[in-house]
N, C-alpha and C. Protein backbone atom coordinates (compact mmCIF):
# COMPACT_ATOMS: atom_id res chain seq x y z
N MET A 1 0.85 -1.10 0.14
CA MET A 1 0.16 0.09 -0.07
C MET A 1 0.76 1.26 0.14
N LYS A 2 1.64 1.47 1.06
CA LYS A 2 2.73 2.52 1.00
C LYS A 2 2.04 3.91 1.32
N VAL A 3 0.64 3.93 1.81
CA VAL A 3 0.18 5.21 1.98
C VAL A 3 0.73 5.73 3.49
N PRO A 4 0.62 7.08 3.89
CA PRO A 4 1.24 7.42 4.85
C PRO A 4 0.39 7.05 6.18
N GLU A 5 -0.84 6.70 5.77
CA GLU A 5 -1.65 6.74 7.01
C GLU A 5 -2.83 5.76 6.76
N VAL A 6 -3.14 4.84 7.52
CA VAL A 6 -4.44 4.03 7.32
C VAL A 6 -5.11 4.04 8.49
N CYS A 7 -6.62 3.76 8.56
CA CYS A 7 -7.48 3.48 9.61
C CYS A 7 -8.03 2.20 9.34
N ARG A 8 -7.79 1.22 10.38
CA ARG A 8 -8.02 -0.24 10.24
C ARG A 8 -9.36 -0.57 11.11
N TYR A 9 -10.34 -0.99 10.83
CA TYR A 9 -11.46 -1.21 11.62
C TYR A 9 -11.65 -2.99 11.70
N SER A 10 -11.48 -3.69 12.65
CA SER A 10 -11.74 -4.82 13.04
C SER A 10 -12.16 -5.27 14.42
N ASN A 11 -13.14 -6.32 14.29
CA ASN A 11 -13.65 -6.73 15.59
C ASN A 11 -14.08 -5.50 16.64
N HIS A 12 -14.66 -4.65 15.96
CA HIS A 12 -15.38 -3.52 16.66
C HIS A 12 -14.59 -2.48 17.29
N GLU A 13 -13.23 -2.55 16.54
CA GLU A 13 -12.15 -1.44 17.16
C GLU A 13 -11.35 -1.09 15.82
N VAL A 14 -11.25 0.39 16.21
CA VAL A 14 -10.66 1.19 15.25
C VAL A 14 -9.03 1.42 15.69
N ARG A 15 -8.21 1.32 14.87
CA ARG A 15 -6.54 1.39 15.01
C ARG A 15 -6.42 2.48 13.81
N PHE A 16 -5.21 3.44 14.28
CA PHE A 16 -4.99 4.32 13.23
C PHE A 16 -3.32 3.75 13.14
N LEU A 17 -2.99 3.73 11.72
CA LEU A 17 -1.74 3.15 11.44
C LEU A 17 -0.75 4.30 10.50
N ARG A 18 0.25 4.28 11.13
CA ARG A 18 1.04 5.35 10.49
C ARG A 18 2.41 4.66 9.92
N LEU A 19 2.88 4.97 8.61
CA LEU A 19 3.89 4.42 7.91
C LEU A 19 5.07 5.18 8.58
N ASN A 20 6.14 4.19 9.01
CA ASN A 20 7.26 4.83 9.55
C ASN A 20 8.33 4.75 8.60
N GLU A 21 9.65 5.32 9.09
CA GLU A 21 10.64 5.45 8.12
C GLU A 21 11.26 4.10 7.41
N GLU A 22 10.90 2.96 8.16
CA GLU A 22 11.36 1.48 7.73
C GLU A 22 10.19 0.91 6.77
N GLY A 23 9.04 1.76 6.48
CA GLY A 23 8.20 1.37 5.42
C GLY A 23 7.46 0.25 6.24
N ILE A 24 7.16 0.12 7.58
CA ILE A 24 6.23 -0.54 8.46
C ILE A 24 5.06 0.48 9.29
N TYR A 25 3.82 -0.27 9.17
CA TYR A 25 2.80 0.61 9.91
C TYR A 25 2.83 0.26 11.00
N VAL A 26 2.79 1.35 12.04
CA VAL A 26 2.69 1.14 13.48
C VAL A 26 1.54 1.84 13.90
N ALA A 27 0.99 1.40 15.18
CA ALA A 27 -0.15 2.13 15.57
C ALA A 27 0.33 3.32 16.13
N VAL A 28 -0.59 4.21 16.22
CA VAL A 28 -0.46 5.71 16.56
C VAL A 28 -1.87 6.01 17.51
N GLU A 29 -1.75 6.80 18.47
CA GLU A 29 -2.79 7.04 19.26
C GLU A 29 -3.88 7.76 18.63
N ASN A 30 -3.68 8.95 17.81
CA ASN A 30 -4.55 9.80 17.07
C ASN A 30 -3.83 10.12 15.79
N SER A 31 -4.88 10.17 14.94
CA SER A 31 -4.62 10.35 13.38
C SER A 31 -3.98 11.84 13.30
N PRO A 32 -2.74 11.74 12.47
CA PRO A 32 -2.26 13.02 11.91
C PRO A 32 -3.38 14.01 11.27
N SER A 33 -4.06 12.99 10.28
CA SER A 33 -4.81 13.56 9.27
C SER A 33 -6.14 13.97 9.80
N LEU A 34 -6.60 13.19 10.85
CA LEU A 34 -8.07 13.68 11.40
C LEU A 34 -7.89 13.70 13.02
N PRO A 35 -6.98 14.81 13.42
CA PRO A 35 -7.07 15.00 14.77
C PRO A 35 -8.17 15.41 15.81
N MET A 36 -9.03 15.71 15.26
CA MET A 36 -10.34 15.91 16.05
C MET A 36 -11.08 14.61 16.14
N LEU A 37 -10.66 13.48 15.68
CA LEU A 37 -11.33 12.06 15.82
C LEU A 37 -10.65 11.41 16.66
N THR A 38 -11.20 10.31 17.71
CA THR A 38 -10.70 9.43 18.24
C THR A 38 -11.05 8.36 17.55
N PRO A 39 -10.15 7.09 18.01
CA PRO A 39 -10.52 5.70 17.31
C PRO A 39 -12.19 5.42 17.80
N SER A 40 -12.50 5.78 18.95
CA SER A 40 -13.65 5.39 19.47
C SER A 40 -14.77 6.01 18.85
N ASP A 41 -14.48 7.30 18.48
CA ASP A 41 -15.55 8.24 17.67
C ASP A 41 -15.98 7.39 16.45
N ILE A 42 -14.85 6.90 15.57
CA ILE A 42 -14.93 6.30 14.23
C ILE A 42 -15.70 4.78 14.43
N ALA A 43 -15.44 4.09 15.76
CA ALA A 43 -15.96 2.92 15.99
C ALA A 43 -17.33 2.89 16.47
N GLU A 44 -17.73 4.10 17.14
CA GLU A 44 -19.06 4.32 17.54
C GLU A 44 -19.96 4.73 16.15
N CYS A 45 -19.35 5.45 15.20
CA CYS A 45 -20.02 5.50 13.78
C CYS A 45 -20.36 4.38 13.20
N PHE A 46 -19.52 3.52 13.05
CA PHE A 46 -19.70 2.10 12.43
C PHE A 46 -20.60 1.47 12.85
N GLU A 47 -20.64 1.25 14.44
CA GLU A 47 -21.65 0.54 15.16
C GLU A 47 -23.25 1.11 14.80
N LEU A 48 -23.18 2.58 14.95
CA LEU A 48 -24.44 2.92 14.76
C LEU A 48 -24.82 2.73 13.41
N LEU A 49 -24.18 2.79 12.09
CA LEU A 49 -24.58 2.77 10.82
C LEU A 49 -25.26 1.26 10.55
N GLY A 50 -25.24 0.42 11.68
CA GLY A 50 -25.90 -0.77 11.76
C GLY A 50 -27.61 -0.62 11.84
N THR A 51 -27.98 0.79 12.50
CA THR A 51 -29.40 0.97 12.73
C THR A 51 -29.99 2.38 12.57
N LEU A 52 -28.93 3.14 12.05
CA LEU A 52 -29.41 4.59 11.90
C LEU A 52 -28.83 4.88 10.47
N SER A 53 -29.28 5.82 9.93
CA SER A 53 -29.11 6.30 8.66
C SER A 53 -27.87 7.01 8.45
N GLU A 54 -27.06 7.02 7.43
CA GLU A 54 -25.87 7.83 7.36
C GLU A 54 -25.83 9.39 7.74
N ASN A 55 -27.10 9.82 7.46
CA ASN A 55 -27.20 11.10 7.75
C ASN A 55 -27.28 11.44 9.29
N HIS A 56 -28.09 10.48 9.91
CA HIS A 56 -28.37 10.72 11.30
C HIS A 56 -26.95 10.41 11.96
N VAL A 57 -25.96 9.23 11.59
CA VAL A 57 -24.71 9.05 12.11
C VAL A 57 -23.82 10.26 12.16
N LEU A 58 -23.70 11.03 10.75
CA LEU A 58 -23.10 12.21 10.61
C LEU A 58 -23.67 13.29 11.52
N LYS A 59 -24.65 13.61 11.57
CA LYS A 59 -25.31 14.69 12.56
C LYS A 59 -24.72 14.29 13.99
N THR A 60 -24.81 13.04 14.31
CA THR A 60 -24.41 12.69 15.77
C THR A 60 -22.97 13.01 16.05
N LEU A 61 -22.05 12.61 15.02
CA LEU A 61 -20.79 12.69 15.44
C LEU A 61 -20.34 14.16 15.06
N VAL A 62 -21.09 15.18 14.37
CA VAL A 62 -20.88 16.42 14.42
C VAL A 62 -21.11 17.19 15.39
N ALA A 63 -22.17 16.87 16.09
CA ALA A 63 -22.61 17.42 17.43
C ALA A 63 -21.79 16.90 18.52
N LYS A 64 -21.33 15.94 18.52
CA LYS A 64 -20.27 15.18 19.44
C LYS A 64 -19.00 16.39 19.39
N LEU A 65 -18.57 16.51 18.03
CA LEU A 65 -17.38 17.23 17.80
C LEU A 65 -17.46 18.75 18.34
N ARG A 66 -18.71 19.26 17.99
CA ARG A 66 -19.04 20.50 18.34
C ARG A 66 -18.82 20.67 19.97
N GLU A 67 -19.50 19.74 20.68
CA GLU A 67 -19.59 19.90 21.93
C GLU A 67 -18.09 19.82 22.89
N ARG A 68 -17.26 19.04 21.99
CA ARG A 68 -15.74 18.73 22.34
C ARG A 68 -14.99 19.99 22.17
N HIS A 69 -15.01 21.05 21.29
CA HIS A 69 -14.47 21.74 20.91
C HIS A 69 -14.99 23.15 21.21
């Protein structure tokens, strides 16, 4: 792949992976590309998509981010 950053969702868990200097993906706590989002924010959205519309999930996420900032 060799893209600078990937987001992996597996077993109801999200992990951010960053490509290091050796060309190996390593887990990082927060995404440099999406610093306002946490892995749990994204995992929650994926879980909600099973029962709610995409529009409702997006509105829920935006409201959460506004409260946080």
